[in-house]
Structures are given as structure tokens and as C-alpha cells.
Protein backbone atom coordinates (compact mmCIF):
# COMPACT_ATOMS: atom_id res chain seq x y z
CA ILE A 1 8.27 23.63 -4.76
CA THR A 2 5.52 23.61 -7.39
CA LYS A 3 7.61 25.10 -10.19
CA LEU A 4 10.81 26.99 -10.83
CA TYR A 5 10.83 29.68 -13.50
CA SER A 6 14.20 28.96 -13.86
CA SER A 7 15.29 30.49 -17.14
CA SER A 8 33.12 47.49 -19.56
CA SER A 9 35.80 48.95 -19.91
CA SER A 10 36.51 52.60 -20.67
CA PRO A 11 37.36 53.39 -24.27
CA SER A 12 41.06 53.60 -25.08
CA GLU A 13 42.66 56.64 -26.63
CA GLY A 14 41.99 56.80 -30.33
CA TYR A 15 38.38 55.54 -30.13
CA ASP A 16 36.10 57.90 -32.02
CA ASP A 17 33.05 59.55 -30.51
CA ASP A 18 30.63 57.09 -32.12
CA LEU A 19 32.45 54.09 -30.65
CA PHE A 20 32.60 55.72 -27.23
CA ALA A 21 28.87 56.48 -27.36
CA SER A 22 28.18 52.90 -28.42
CA LEU A 23 30.21 51.49 -25.52
CA LEU A 24 28.56 53.87 -23.08
CA GLN A 25 25.07 52.92 -24.26
CA SER A 26 25.99 49.24 -24.04
CA ARG A 27 27.08 49.72 -20.45
CA ILE A 28 23.90 51.64 -19.60
CA ASN A 29 21.82 48.85 -21.13
CA GLN A 30 23.76 46.25 -19.15
CA VAL A 31 23.17 48.06 -15.86
CA SER A 32 19.51 48.60 -16.71
CA ASP A 33 19.17 44.93 -17.61
CA GLN A 34 20.62 43.87 -14.26
CA GLU A 35 18.20 46.15 -12.41
CA THR A 36 15.04 45.09 -14.25
CA LYS A 37 15.63 41.37 -14.87
CA LEU A 38 15.16 38.85 -12.10
CA PRO A 39 15.23 35.07 -11.88
CA LEU A 40 11.67 34.04 -11.02
CA VAL A 41 10.70 31.30 -8.58
CA VAL A 42 7.15 30.06 -8.00
CA LEU A 43 6.91 29.23 -4.30
CA ASP A 44 4.51 31.46 -2.39
CA SER A 45 2.55 34.71 -2.67
CA MET A 46 4.66 36.70 -0.24
CA LEU A 47 3.88 40.25 0.83
CA PRO A 48 6.43 42.96 1.59
CA ARG A 49 8.08 42.47 5.02
CA GLN A 50 7.29 38.74 5.18
CA ILE A 51 10.03 36.20 5.86
CA LEU A 52 9.92 32.67 4.44
CA LYS A 53 12.33 30.16 5.98
CA LEU A 54 13.08 26.99 4.02
CA GLU A 55 15.39 24.02 3.96
CA ILE A 56 16.57 23.82 0.37
CA LYS A 57 16.63 20.39 -1.26
CA ASN A 58 15.74 21.15 -4.88
CA LYS A 59 18.86 20.93 -7.08
CA LEU A 60 17.84 23.67 -9.51
CA LEU A 61 16.95 26.08 -6.71
CA LEU A 62 20.26 25.31 -4.98
CA GLU A 63 22.16 26.14 -8.14
CA LEU A 64 20.17 29.35 -8.62
CA LEU A 65 20.81 30.45 -5.04
CA ASN A 66 24.54 29.75 -5.36
CA HIS A 67 24.57 31.85 -8.53
CA ARG A 68 22.72 34.77 -6.89
CA LEU A 69 24.78 34.66 -3.68
CA LYS A 70 27.78 35.86 -5.67
CA ARG A 71 26.11 39.28 -5.81
CA GLU A 72 26.64 41.91 -3.10
CA THR A 73 22.91 41.90 -2.33
CA PRO A 74 21.55 38.55 -3.52
CA THR A 75 17.91 38.68 -4.60
CA LEU A 76 15.40 36.89 -6.78
CA GLY A 77 11.75 37.28 -7.74
CA MET A 78 9.16 35.32 -5.78
CA ILE A 79 5.71 34.72 -7.24
CA GLY A 80 2.77 32.61 -6.13
CA THR A 81 -0.30 31.04 -7.69
CA ALA A 82 -4.03 31.67 -7.65
CA ARG A 83 -6.94 29.34 -8.22
CA LEU A 84 -9.53 30.60 -10.70
CA ARG A 85 -13.26 30.00 -10.26
CA SER A 86 -12.93 27.34 -12.94
CA GLY A 87 -10.54 25.50 -10.64
CA GLU A 88 -7.50 26.19 -12.83
CA VAL A 89 -4.33 27.19 -10.94
CA VAL A 90 -2.35 29.95 -12.61
CA ASN A 91 0.91 31.72 -11.82
CA LEU A 92 0.55 35.32 -10.72
CA ASN A 93 2.01 38.06 -12.87
CA THR A 94 3.00 40.05 -9.80
CA GLY A 95 5.28 39.20 -6.90
CA VAL A 96 8.01 40.49 -4.63
CA GLU A 97 11.75 40.78 -4.79
CA VAL A 98 13.23 38.73 -1.94
CA GLU A 99 16.65 39.04 -0.37
CA ILE A 100 18.42 35.72 0.22
CA ASN A 101 19.86 35.17 3.69
CA VAL A 102 21.71 31.93 4.41
CA LYS A 103 20.98 30.93 8.01
CA ASN A 104 22.86 27.63 8.12
CA LYS A 105 25.37 25.84 5.91
CA MET A 106 26.05 22.16 5.45
CA ASP A 107 29.56 20.73 5.50
CA ASP A 108 31.10 20.57 2.04
CA ASP A 109 31.35 16.78 2.23
CA ASP A 110 27.67 16.33 3.13
CA ASN A 111 26.34 13.85 0.58
CA ASP A 112 22.73 14.92 1.04
CA ASN A 113 23.53 18.39 -0.24
CA LYS A 114 26.32 17.86 -2.72
CA TYR A 115 25.29 20.73 -4.96
CA SER A 116 26.14 23.50 -2.50
CA GLY A 117 26.89 24.36 1.09
CA LEU A 118 23.38 25.71 1.60
CA ASN A 119 20.86 24.25 3.99
CA THR A 120 18.46 26.71 5.63
CA VAL A 121 17.68 29.93 3.80
CA GLU A 122 15.49 32.93 4.62
CA PHE A 123 13.73 34.86 1.87
CA VAL A 124 12.97 38.40 3.06
CA ALA A 125 10.30 40.08 0.94
CA GLY A 126 10.83 43.64 -0.23
CA ARG A 127 9.75 45.51 -3.35
CA ARG A 128 6.68 44.46 -5.31
CA PHE A 129 6.89 44.04 -9.07
CA ASN A 130 4.89 43.21 -12.17
CA ILE A 131 6.33 40.86 -14.77
CA GLU A 132 6.64 42.90 -17.96
CA GLY A 133 7.77 40.07 -20.24
CA GLY A 134 11.10 38.98 -21.63
CA LEU A 135 10.84 35.52 -20.06
CA GLU A 136 13.76 33.34 -21.04
CA THR A 137 15.43 30.21 -19.77
CA THR A 138 19.04 30.75 -18.78
CA GLU A 139 21.95 28.38 -19.29
CA GLY A 140 21.57 27.41 -15.63
CA GLY A 141 18.05 26.14 -16.27
CA TRP A 142 16.00 28.74 -14.40
CA THR A 143 13.80 31.44 -15.92
CA GLU A 144 14.47 35.15 -15.83
CA GLY A 145 11.98 37.86 -16.66
CA ARG A 146 11.88 41.60 -17.05
CA VAL A 147 10.03 43.24 -14.17
CA LYS A 148 8.73 46.68 -13.26
CA PHE A 149 9.08 47.57 -9.59
CA LEU A 150 6.05 49.15 -7.95
CA ASP A 151 5.84 51.97 -5.42
CA SER A 152 2.67 52.36 -3.35
CA LYS A 153 2.95 56.13 -2.99
CA ALA A 154 3.43 56.63 -6.73
CA GLU A 155 0.49 54.31 -7.45
CA GLU A 156 -1.75 56.27 -5.08
CA GLU A 157 -0.68 59.59 -6.59
CA ASN A 158 -1.51 58.29 -10.07
CA GLU A 159 -4.83 57.08 -8.76
CA LEU A 160 -5.57 60.51 -7.32
CA ARG A 161 -4.79 62.24 -10.62
CA ALA A 162 -6.95 59.76 -12.51
CA ASN A 163 -9.91 60.38 -10.21
CA ILE A 164 -9.87 64.17 -10.04
CA GLY A 165 -13.33 65.37 -10.99
CA PHE A 166 -14.92 61.99 -10.24
CA VAL A 167 -15.01 62.09 -6.44
CA ASP A 168 -17.02 63.86 -3.79
CA PRO A 169 -15.42 67.30 -3.36
CA VAL A 170 -16.44 67.28 0.32
CA VAL A 171 -14.29 64.20 0.97
CA PRO A 172 -11.11 64.38 -1.12
CA PHE A 173 -9.95 61.14 -2.69
CA ALA A 174 -6.86 60.68 -0.50
CA LYS A 175 -8.80 61.52 2.66
CA ALA A 176 -11.46 58.97 1.78
CA TYR A 177 -8.85 56.21 1.65
CA SER A 178 -7.32 57.43 4.90
CA LEU A 179 -10.72 57.30 6.60
CA LEU A 180 -11.23 53.77 5.28
CA ALA A 181 -7.83 52.71 6.58
CA LYS A 182 -8.60 54.16 10.02
CA GLN A 183 -11.23 51.45 10.44
CA LEU A 184 -8.31 49.10 10.97
CA THR A 185 -6.52 51.21 13.57
CA SER A 186 -9.14 53.30 15.40
CA PRO A 187 -10.98 52.29 18.60
CA ASN A 188 -13.98 50.13 17.76
CA ALA A 189 -17.06 50.35 19.96
CA ASN A 190 -18.12 46.85 18.89
CA LEU A 191 -15.00 45.25 20.36
CA PRO A 192 -14.06 44.58 24.00
CA GLU A 193 -12.57 47.66 25.68
CA ASN A 194 -12.98 49.56 22.42
CA VAL A 195 -9.72 48.21 21.00
CA SER A 196 -8.98 48.46 17.28
CA LEU A 197 -9.44 45.62 14.83
CA ILE A 198 -5.69 45.12 14.64
CA GLN A 199 -5.33 45.05 18.45
CA ARG A 200 -8.20 42.59 18.83
CA TRP A 201 -6.76 40.29 16.16
CA ILE A 202 -3.39 40.28 17.94
CA GLU A 203 -5.04 39.50 21.30
CA LEU A 204 -6.94 36.53 19.89
CA ALA A 205 -4.03 35.26 17.80
CA LYS A 206 -1.78 35.15 20.87
CA GLU A 207 -4.23 32.65 22.37
CA ARG A 208 -3.76 30.40 19.32
CA GLU A 209 0.00 30.58 18.92
CA HIS A 210 1.73 27.45 17.62
CA GLN A 211 4.82 28.41 19.60
CA GLU A 212 5.14 30.75 22.55
CA GLY A 213 6.08 34.24 21.40
CA GLN A 214 5.06 33.57 17.79
CA ILE A 215 3.01 36.74 17.42
CA GLU A 216 5.60 38.98 19.09
CA LYS A 217 8.22 37.57 16.72
CA LEU A 218 5.90 38.18 13.79
CA LEU A 219 5.35 41.81 14.83
CA LEU A 220 9.08 42.28 15.19
CA ASP A 221 9.65 40.93 11.68
CA LEU A 222 6.95 43.18 10.20
CA GLY A 223 8.32 46.32 11.80
CA ASP A 224 6.42 49.50 12.53
CA ARG A 225 2.84 49.64 11.29
CA PRO A 226 2.39 52.08 8.40
CA LYS A 227 0.15 55.09 9.07
CA GLU A 228 -3.37 55.51 7.77
CA ASP A 229 -2.22 58.01 5.14
CA GLU A 230 -0.31 55.10 3.56
CA PRO A 231 -3.37 52.92 2.87
CA SER A 232 -1.70 50.45 0.51
CA GLU A 233 1.30 49.86 2.77
CA LEU A 234 -1.03 49.52 5.77
CA ALA A 235 -3.08 46.94 3.86
CA PHE A 236 0.03 44.96 2.94
CA TRP A 237 1.19 45.09 6.58
CA VAL A 238 -2.17 43.81 7.84
CA GLY A 239 -2.22 41.11 5.17
CA ALA A 240 1.21 39.94 6.27
CA LEU A 241 -0.01 39.94 9.88
CA ILE A 242 -3.12 37.83 9.38
CA ASN A 243 -1.50 35.53 6.78
CA PRO A 244 1.81 34.83 8.56
CA LEU A 245 4.52 32.41 7.49
CA PRO A 246 4.14 29.66 8.48
CA ALA A 247 0.35 29.86 8.33
CA MET A 248 -1.72 29.81 11.53
CA GLY A 249 -4.96 28.71 9.87
CA VAL A 250 -7.06 31.49 11.43
CA SER A 251 -7.70 33.70 8.39
CA MET A 252 -8.79 33.53 4.80
CA GLU A 253 -5.94 33.80 2.27
CA VAL A 254 -5.63 37.39 1.04
CA ARG A 255 -2.09 37.67 -0.30
CA PRO A 256 -2.79 36.91 -3.99
CA ALA A 257 -5.75 39.29 -3.91
CA LEU A 258 -3.66 42.05 -2.34
CA LEU A 259 -0.87 41.63 -4.88
CA THR A 260 -3.25 41.83 -7.83
CA ALA A 261 -5.55 44.58 -6.47
CA LYS A 262 -5.69 47.67 -8.67
CA SER A 263 -6.27 50.38 -6.06
CA ALA A 264 -5.48 51.37 -2.49
CA GLY A 265 -9.16 51.28 -1.61
CA GLU A 266 -9.50 47.73 -2.91
CA ARG A 267 -6.49 46.62 -0.86
CA VAL A 268 -7.87 48.14 2.34
CA GLU A 269 -11.31 46.62 1.75
CA ILE A 270 -9.74 43.19 1.23
CA VAL A 271 -7.98 43.24 4.61
CA LEU A 272 -10.96 44.83 6.39
CA VAL A 273 -13.20 41.93 5.37
CA ALA A 274 -10.50 39.37 6.14
CA ILE A 275 -9.53 40.66 9.59
CA LEU A 276 -13.18 40.93 10.66
CA ARG A 277 -13.88 37.36 9.56
CA SER A 278 -10.72 36.16 11.27
CA ILE A 279 -11.68 37.86 14.54
CA LYS A 280 -15.15 36.31 14.44
CA HIS A 281 -13.59 32.94 13.68
CA MET A 282 -11.17 33.14 16.60
CA ASP A 283 -13.70 34.48 19.13
CA GLY A 284 -16.13 31.74 18.13
CA SER A 285 -18.96 34.01 16.96
CA ALA A 286 -18.68 32.91 13.31
CA PRO A 287 -16.26 30.00 12.75
CA MET A 288 -15.06 29.68 9.15
CA TRP A 289 -14.15 25.97 9.46
């Protein structure tokens, strides 16, 4: 762990309308606060659908997890880091909400884990978010921040509206991104048996598995591949495929770039370059290291 950002009742009869309105607004603000504030943990740049499995030893993280596990659906915000060209390592301002699944518990009298009954935990990545501010350290010692959850479809629709009048009318904006995304999924004449880039990557990765069945398990975790008319989600899916957890060491790191990319086209281009380089690395035609 590199760092932890580890910062109602109904009105009774006789309350006047102003007091009732004040109580109602207070409750609305409380609910809104719960939905937009997350405890933030700096561990890894996870993508939607990825699963990170860890044995928890850090005291502060144990206490945070115990606190969040009291909720019906326990979650927290996971963010990673990026290295600038200057060499400086900075925390990303974007990450994913992860659901906390306890896979194994220690005995209560286990001295090595006296802060909780937790041992092995899975973090399952879901919604993306941007940190909007409001960072504060809580009484428990971790940091919470106000976040804005992101939706790929809404982002692409906003992109389309922003680019009306600035694109080739022969190839509509959305269709252009779909055509770009199809380069990942369509038969490729430059590959053996005309398989797609994704299929070829899977074939080669299965030859380099660290454990038997690793790639099939990864595909099961990732779920169905998004369609080409969902270019951002397809790019995130491919990024999670070629940068699995734990890492296989066969691809360049793309997750921070995908999380900070500003457009669907940029996301697709990132994974197109990465999957091509990974294929050439694995087939021996252009080793990266």
C-alpha cells in the first residue's frame, strides 16, 4: 500500500412548515452526501470489471474496511498513480468505486490480525468517478472525498453534441468511433486465420499463463465483451483484458491512460496501440523487453 487517503426522523405534529422543510432538506443533503462521498484508497489503477484480491495487513485499511462492511453494499473509492515525464509520481484524480467482498476471515483470537476478522478481500471494480473535491480526514484516519460518477454513454452523447458541425458529414461522429472500435473485433487479414486482434491476443496469452486456466478465469470475470457501438466500454474491457490482475507482464500499462482519457476515440486508440504491441511482443516479432 503506497498511501491511504484515509480521511431523520419525521417531524412531529406541531412543527411548522419551515421546520419541516428544513428537516426534509437536511435529510436530502444527508442522502446526497452518502451517495457522492467516498473513502479514497490509493492502491491500483483499476478498470471497471477488474477484481483485485489482497491479504489485508495494514491497520488503517482494516479499520476502514470494517467500517464500510457495516453498509448493505460496502464500497470505497480506488485510485492509482501515474508517473509524469519529469519522473514525479502523482495520484490520479479519477478512479473506480469498488465493492468489498470478504473471501476469508481470520479467527477472532488471531494475534496477527487483532484489528478485525478480515484476511483475504476482493475489490470488484464498478463505476468510474472523478474526484470533485471536499477532501477531508475522518475521525477514523482515512480520507473521504466528494466524487462525480461517470457514465460512458452520457460522455459519448455529450461528445457528439460538442462535435456537431466539426466532423465529416459522410461519416457521422458516432459511426466513426464504431468503425475504429471494430478494428479490435473484426477479422484481420494480417493475423493467422484472419482472427481479430482480441482473439489473437487471447490465443497468445493462453500460451503464457502463470496458472492453467488463468485466461478463461479472466474472461469469466470480465463478462460479455461490449459491442462496437459502445467504444468506451469496449476500450475499458480490452484494457482490463491486456492488463489483468495480477499482471502477466505481456503488455504496456494502459489503465491510468484509459482512466484519464478525454474521449471515446482516445480510449480506443490507446488499447489499439497496446494490444498490437502486446501481440507482437508475445509472437516474438517485436519484443518490448
